[in-house]
């Protein structure tokens, strides 16, 4: 696989958004806030502490490495095989909805201290 960015642009955009969310891209994606909550709970727990927090942080870092390596190899790498089938709207529509929710979920969680629009409108 490789070189799919130009041949499958919707899939590429959705995959980058999903990868950023999975990697916990700061302040924009919902994945950042879920990872932040988990890391904070690991730090603050009576059974947790520094080492559990560090293990969680290392896991998040490794996740970001393999996700973005996957994106670079599959979408930005050298093409190796032709595409036999392109996804139709029945696959694209749910993927786009999930990508939008991944970003919108991040904006909803922006705290009021960072001028989060959702924090002030929901209360």
N, C-alpha and C. Protein backbone atom coordinates (compact mmCIF):
# COMPACT_ATOMS: atom_id res chain seq x y z
N UNK A 1 0.84 -1.17 0.00
CA UNK A 1 0.00 0.00 0.00
C UNK A 1 0.89 1.23 0.00
N UNK A 2 0.31 2.32 -0.33
CA UNK A 2 1.03 3.58 -0.35
C UNK A 2 0.44 4.51 -1.38
N UNK A 3 0.67 5.78 -1.20
CA UNK A 3 0.23 6.77 -2.16
C UNK A 3 -1.28 6.93 -2.27
N UNK A 4 -2.00 6.64 -1.22
CA UNK A 4 -3.46 6.68 -1.30
C UNK A 4 -4.04 8.07 -1.00
N UNK A 5 -3.22 9.01 -0.66
CA UNK A 5 -3.72 10.35 -0.31
C UNK A 5 -4.49 10.98 -1.46
N UNK A 6 -3.97 10.92 -2.65
CA UNK A 6 -4.64 11.54 -3.80
C UNK A 6 -5.79 10.69 -4.35
N UNK A 7 -5.68 9.39 -4.20
CA UNK A 7 -6.71 8.51 -4.74
C UNK A 7 -7.93 8.37 -3.82
N UNK A 8 -7.71 8.51 -2.50
CA UNK A 8 -8.80 8.40 -1.53
C UNK A 8 -8.75 9.60 -0.58
N UNK A 9 -9.08 10.81 -1.07
CA UNK A 9 -8.91 12.00 -0.24
C UNK A 9 -9.81 12.05 0.99
N UNK A 10 -11.05 11.57 0.88
CA UNK A 10 -11.94 11.57 2.05
C UNK A 10 -11.43 10.60 3.10
N UNK A 11 -11.03 9.43 2.68
CA UNK A 11 -10.48 8.45 3.60
C UNK A 11 -9.22 8.98 4.26
N UNK A 12 -8.38 9.66 3.51
CA UNK A 12 -7.16 10.23 4.07
C UNK A 12 -7.48 11.27 5.13
N UNK A 13 -8.41 12.19 4.85
CA UNK A 13 -8.75 13.24 5.81
C UNK A 13 -9.35 12.63 7.08
N UNK A 14 -10.24 11.68 6.92
CA UNK A 14 -10.87 11.04 8.08
C UNK A 14 -9.83 10.27 8.89
N UNK A 15 -8.93 9.61 8.21
CA UNK A 15 -7.91 8.83 8.90
C UNK A 15 -6.95 9.73 9.67
N UNK A 16 -6.62 10.88 9.13
CA UNK A 16 -5.75 11.82 9.85
C UNK A 16 -6.45 12.35 11.09
N UNK A 17 -7.73 12.68 10.97
CA UNK A 17 -8.49 13.15 12.14
C UNK A 17 -8.59 12.05 13.19
N UNK A 18 -8.88 10.83 12.76
CA UNK A 18 -8.98 9.72 13.70
C UNK A 18 -7.63 9.42 14.35
N UNK A 19 -6.57 9.49 13.56
CA UNK A 19 -5.23 9.28 14.12
C UNK A 19 -4.85 10.34 15.12
N UNK A 20 -5.19 11.59 14.83
CA UNK A 20 -4.90 12.68 15.77
C UNK A 20 -5.68 12.49 17.06
N UNK A 21 -6.92 12.04 16.96
CA UNK A 21 -7.72 11.80 18.15
C UNK A 21 -7.17 10.62 18.94
N UNK A 22 -6.79 9.56 18.25
CA UNK A 22 -6.22 8.40 18.93
C UNK A 22 -4.90 8.73 19.60
N UNK A 23 -4.12 9.60 18.96
CA UNK A 23 -2.84 10.01 19.53
C UNK A 23 -3.01 11.04 20.63
N UNK A 24 -4.20 11.61 20.77
CA UNK A 24 -4.44 12.61 21.80
C UNK A 24 -3.91 13.97 21.43
N UNK A 25 -4.15 14.39 20.20
CA UNK A 25 -3.67 15.70 19.75
C UNK A 25 -4.27 16.79 20.64
N UNK A 26 -3.45 17.65 21.22
CA UNK A 26 -3.90 18.58 22.26
C UNK A 26 -4.93 19.61 21.80
N UNK A 27 -5.88 19.86 22.70
CA UNK A 27 -6.87 20.94 22.66
C UNK A 27 -7.90 20.87 21.54
N UNK A 28 -7.76 19.98 20.60
CA UNK A 28 -8.69 19.96 19.48
C UNK A 28 -9.51 18.68 19.46
N UNK A 29 -8.90 17.57 19.73
CA UNK A 29 -9.59 16.29 19.56
C UNK A 29 -10.16 15.79 20.88
N UNK A 30 -11.20 14.99 20.78
CA UNK A 30 -11.80 14.38 21.96
C UNK A 30 -10.84 13.38 22.61
N UNK A 31 -9.95 12.79 21.82
CA UNK A 31 -8.99 11.85 22.35
C UNK A 31 -8.03 12.47 23.35
N UNK A 32 -7.72 13.75 23.18
CA UNK A 32 -6.85 14.44 24.13
C UNK A 32 -7.49 14.49 25.51
N UNK A 33 -8.76 14.82 25.56
CA UNK A 33 -9.42 14.97 26.85
C UNK A 33 -9.65 13.63 27.52
N UNK A 34 -9.89 12.58 26.74
CA UNK A 34 -10.04 11.26 27.37
C UNK A 34 -8.70 10.77 27.90
N UNK A 35 -7.62 10.98 27.15
CA UNK A 35 -6.30 10.59 27.64
C UNK A 35 -5.90 11.42 28.85
N UNK A 36 -6.23 12.71 28.82
CA UNK A 36 -5.93 13.59 29.95
C UNK A 36 -6.64 13.12 31.21
N UNK A 37 -7.90 12.75 31.07
CA UNK A 37 -8.67 12.26 32.22
C UNK A 37 -8.08 10.97 32.77
N UNK A 38 -7.72 10.06 31.88
CA UNK A 38 -7.13 8.79 32.33
C UNK A 38 -5.78 9.01 33.00
N UNK A 39 -4.95 9.86 32.43
CA UNK A 39 -3.64 10.11 33.04
C UNK A 39 -3.78 10.81 34.39
N UNK A 40 -4.73 11.74 34.48
CA UNK A 40 -4.95 12.41 35.76
C UNK A 40 -5.44 11.42 36.82
N UNK A 41 -6.34 10.53 36.44
CA UNK A 41 -6.84 9.53 37.37
C UNK A 41 -5.72 8.58 37.81
N UNK A 42 -4.83 8.23 36.89
CA UNK A 42 -3.70 7.37 37.25
C UNK A 42 -2.77 8.09 38.22
N UNK A 43 -2.58 9.37 38.04
CA UNK A 43 -1.70 10.15 38.92
C UNK A 43 -2.33 10.32 40.30
N UNK A 44 -3.63 10.62 40.35
CA UNK A 44 -4.29 10.98 41.60
C UNK A 44 -4.79 9.77 42.39
N UNK A 45 -4.84 8.61 41.80
CA UNK A 45 -5.37 7.43 42.47
C UNK A 45 -4.47 6.99 43.62
N UNK A 46 -5.09 6.40 44.64
CA UNK A 46 -4.30 5.87 45.76
C UNK A 46 -3.44 4.70 45.31
N UNK A 47 -3.93 3.92 44.37
CA UNK A 47 -3.16 2.79 43.85
C UNK A 47 -2.23 3.20 42.71
N UNK A 48 -2.42 4.38 42.20
CA UNK A 48 -1.63 4.84 41.06
C UNK A 48 -0.37 5.55 41.51
N UNK A 49 -0.13 6.69 40.90
CA UNK A 49 1.05 7.46 41.23
C UNK A 49 1.89 7.72 39.99
N UNK A 50 3.13 8.08 40.25
CA UNK A 50 4.02 8.48 39.18
C UNK A 50 4.25 7.37 38.16
N UNK A 51 4.48 6.14 38.61
CA UNK A 51 4.84 5.07 37.69
C UNK A 51 3.68 4.65 36.80
N UNK A 52 2.48 4.62 37.37
CA UNK A 52 1.31 4.31 36.55
C UNK A 52 1.05 5.43 35.54
N UNK A 53 1.21 6.66 35.98
CA UNK A 53 1.06 7.82 35.08
C UNK A 53 2.08 7.75 33.96
N UNK A 54 3.33 7.43 34.32
CA UNK A 54 4.39 7.34 33.32
C UNK A 54 4.13 6.21 32.32
N UNK A 55 3.61 5.09 32.79
CA UNK A 55 3.26 3.98 31.89
C UNK A 55 2.14 4.40 30.94
N UNK A 56 1.15 5.12 31.44
CA UNK A 56 0.08 5.63 30.58
C UNK A 56 0.59 6.62 29.57
N UNK A 57 1.48 7.50 29.99
CA UNK A 57 2.07 8.48 29.08
C UNK A 57 2.91 7.79 28.01
N UNK A 58 3.67 6.79 28.40
CA UNK A 58 4.47 6.03 27.43
C UNK A 58 3.56 5.31 26.43
N UNK A 59 2.46 4.75 26.92
CA UNK A 59 1.50 4.08 26.02
C UNK A 59 0.90 5.05 25.03
N UNK A 60 0.56 6.25 25.49
CA UNK A 60 0.01 7.27 24.59
C UNK A 60 1.05 7.69 23.56
N UNK A 61 2.30 7.80 23.97
CA UNK A 61 3.36 8.18 23.04
C UNK A 61 3.58 7.11 21.98
N UNK A 62 3.62 5.86 22.39
CA UNK A 62 3.81 4.76 21.44
C UNK A 62 2.63 4.68 20.47
N UNK A 63 1.42 4.91 20.98
CA UNK A 63 0.24 4.94 20.12
C UNK A 63 0.37 6.01 19.05
N UNK A 64 0.81 7.20 19.44
CA UNK A 64 0.97 8.27 18.46
C UNK A 64 2.04 7.92 17.43
N UNK A 65 3.10 7.25 17.85
CA UNK A 65 4.14 6.86 16.89
C UNK A 65 3.61 5.89 15.83
N UNK A 66 2.92 4.83 16.27
CA UNK A 66 2.50 3.85 15.27
C UNK A 66 1.35 4.35 14.42
N UNK A 67 0.49 5.21 14.97
CA UNK A 67 -0.61 5.73 14.17
C UNK A 67 -0.08 6.64 13.06
N UNK A 68 0.83 7.52 13.39
CA UNK A 68 1.33 8.42 12.36
C UNK A 68 2.29 7.72 11.40
N UNK A 69 2.97 6.68 11.83
CA UNK A 69 3.76 5.88 10.89
C UNK A 69 2.83 5.20 9.89
N UNK A 70 1.71 4.69 10.39
CA UNK A 70 0.72 4.07 9.51
C UNK A 70 0.21 5.07 8.48
N UNK A 71 -0.09 6.29 8.92
CA UNK A 71 -0.57 7.32 7.99
C UNK A 71 0.49 7.63 6.95
N UNK A 72 1.74 7.78 7.37
CA UNK A 72 2.80 8.12 6.42
C UNK A 72 3.05 7.00 5.43
N UNK A 73 3.02 5.76 5.88
CA UNK A 73 3.28 4.64 4.97
C UNK A 73 2.12 4.42 4.01
N UNK A 74 0.90 4.40 4.52
CA UNK A 74 -0.25 4.04 3.69
C UNK A 74 -0.68 5.19 2.77
N UNK A 75 -0.69 6.39 3.28
CA UNK A 75 -1.23 7.50 2.49
C UNK A 75 -0.16 8.35 1.81
N UNK A 76 1.01 8.45 2.39
CA UNK A 76 2.04 9.32 1.82
C UNK A 76 3.22 8.56 1.24
N UNK A 77 3.25 7.24 1.41
CA UNK A 77 4.35 6.43 0.90
C UNK A 77 4.25 6.19 -0.59
N UNK A 78 5.18 5.42 -1.07
CA UNK A 78 5.21 5.08 -2.49
C UNK A 78 4.09 4.10 -2.84
N UNK A 79 3.37 4.37 -3.95
CA UNK A 79 2.31 3.42 -4.36
C UNK A 79 2.91 2.08 -4.76
N UNK A 80 2.26 1.01 -4.33
CA UNK A 80 2.76 -0.33 -4.65
C UNK A 80 1.75 -1.15 -5.43
N UNK A 81 0.46 -0.87 -5.20
CA UNK A 81 -0.59 -1.62 -5.89
C UNK A 81 -1.68 -0.66 -6.33
N UNK A 82 -2.33 -0.95 -7.43
CA UNK A 82 -3.46 -0.09 -7.83
C UNK A 82 -4.67 -0.35 -6.94
N UNK A 83 -5.54 0.64 -6.87
CA UNK A 83 -6.76 0.51 -6.08
C UNK A 83 -7.80 -0.21 -6.92
N UNK A 84 -8.35 -1.28 -6.37
CA UNK A 84 -9.36 -2.06 -7.09
C UNK A 84 -10.76 -1.54 -6.84
N UNK A 85 -10.99 -1.01 -5.64
CA UNK A 85 -12.34 -0.61 -5.26
C UNK A 85 -12.26 0.64 -4.39
N UNK A 86 -13.11 1.61 -4.69
CA UNK A 86 -13.19 2.83 -3.87
C UNK A 86 -14.44 2.76 -3.01
N UNK A 87 -14.35 3.28 -1.77
CA UNK A 87 -15.53 3.22 -0.89
C UNK A 87 -16.65 4.10 -1.40
N UNK A 88 -17.87 3.63 -1.21
CA UNK A 88 -19.05 4.39 -1.61
C UNK A 88 -19.55 5.28 -0.47
N UNK A 89 -20.70 5.91 -0.70
CA UNK A 89 -21.22 6.84 0.29
C UNK A 89 -21.65 6.14 1.57
N UNK A 90 -22.03 4.86 1.50
CA UNK A 90 -22.45 4.13 2.70
C UNK A 90 -21.30 3.92 3.67
N UNK A 91 -20.10 3.99 3.20
CA UNK A 91 -18.93 3.91 4.07
C UNK A 91 -18.44 5.31 4.41
N UNK A 92 -18.46 6.22 3.46
CA UNK A 92 -17.94 7.57 3.68
C UNK A 92 -18.76 8.38 4.68
N UNK A 93 -20.08 8.28 4.61
CA UNK A 93 -20.94 9.09 5.49
C UNK A 93 -20.69 8.78 6.97
N UNK A 94 -20.72 7.51 7.41
CA UNK A 94 -20.43 7.26 8.83
C UNK A 94 -19.01 7.68 9.23
N UNK A 95 -18.05 7.51 8.33
CA UNK A 95 -16.68 7.91 8.66
C UNK A 95 -16.58 9.41 8.85
N UNK A 96 -17.22 10.18 8.01
CA UNK A 96 -17.20 11.64 8.15
C UNK A 96 -17.92 12.07 9.42
N UNK A 97 -19.04 11.43 9.73
CA UNK A 97 -19.76 11.76 10.97
C UNK A 97 -18.88 11.49 12.20
N UNK A 98 -18.21 10.36 12.22
CA UNK A 98 -17.33 10.04 13.35
C UNK A 98 -16.15 11.01 13.43
N UNK A 99 -15.62 11.42 12.29
CA UNK A 99 -14.51 12.38 12.30
C UNK A 99 -14.97 13.73 12.84
N UNK A 100 -16.14 14.17 12.43
CA UNK A 100 -16.67 15.44 12.92
C UNK A 100 -16.92 15.36 14.43
N UNK A 101 -17.48 14.27 14.89
CA UNK A 101 -17.70 14.11 16.33
C UNK A 101 -16.39 14.06 17.10
N UNK A 102 -15.37 13.51 16.49
CA UNK A 102 -14.06 13.47 17.14
C UNK A 102 -13.50 14.87 17.36
N UNK A 103 -13.73 15.76 16.42
CA UNK A 103 -13.27 17.14 16.55
C UNK A 103 -14.23 17.95 17.43
N UNK A 104 -15.52 17.82 17.20
CA UNK A 104 -16.50 18.59 17.98
C UNK A 104 -16.42 18.20 19.46
N UNK A 105 -16.21 16.94 19.73
CA UNK A 105 -16.06 16.50 21.11
C UNK A 105 -14.88 17.16 21.79
N UNK A 106 -13.85 17.44 21.04
CA UNK A 106 -12.71 18.16 21.60
C UNK A 106 -13.03 19.60 21.89
N UNK A 107 -13.77 20.25 21.01
CA UNK A 107 -14.13 21.65 21.24
C UNK A 107 -15.12 21.80 22.40
N UNK A 108 -15.97 20.82 22.59
CA UNK A 108 -16.92 20.89 23.70
C UNK A 108 -16.18 20.86 25.03
N UNK A 109 -15.08 20.16 25.10
CA UNK A 109 -14.36 20.01 26.35
C UNK A 109 -13.35 21.12 26.65
N UNK A 110 -13.19 22.09 25.77
CA UNK A 110 -12.23 23.17 26.04
C UNK A 110 -12.70 23.93 27.27
N UNK A 111 -11.85 24.03 28.28
CA UNK A 111 -12.28 24.68 29.52
C UNK A 111 -12.50 26.18 29.34
N UNK A 112 -13.28 26.76 30.25
CA UNK A 112 -13.59 28.19 30.19
C UNK A 112 -12.32 29.03 30.33
N UNK A 113 -11.31 28.52 31.02
CA UNK A 113 -10.06 29.25 31.17
C UNK A 113 -9.36 29.48 29.84
N UNK A 114 -9.66 28.62 28.85
CA UNK A 114 -9.09 28.77 27.52
C UNK A 114 -10.11 29.35 26.55
N UNK A 115 -11.09 30.05 27.08
CA UNK A 115 -12.17 30.66 26.30
C UNK A 115 -13.00 29.63 25.57
N UNK A 116 -13.27 28.54 26.25
CA UNK A 116 -14.09 27.50 25.64
C UNK A 116 -15.52 27.96 25.47
N UNK A 117 -16.01 27.91 24.24
CA UNK A 117 -17.36 28.39 23.96
C UNK A 117 -18.41 27.49 24.56
N UNK A 118 -18.16 26.19 24.60
CA UNK A 118 -19.18 25.27 25.09
C UNK A 118 -19.31 25.36 26.61
N UNK A 119 -18.22 25.60 27.30
CA UNK A 119 -18.27 25.66 28.76
C UNK A 119 -19.16 26.80 29.22
N UNK A 120 -19.13 27.92 28.52
CA UNK A 120 -19.94 29.05 28.95
C UNK A 120 -21.39 28.95 28.48
N UNK A 121 -21.64 28.24 27.39
CA UNK A 121 -23.01 28.15 26.89
C UNK A 121 -23.80 27.04 27.53
N UNK A 122 -23.13 26.02 28.06
CA UNK A 122 -23.84 24.91 28.66
C UNK A 122 -24.28 25.18 30.08
N UNK A 123 -23.68 26.12 30.75
CA UNK A 123 -24.04 26.39 32.16
C UNK A 123 -24.96 27.56 32.30
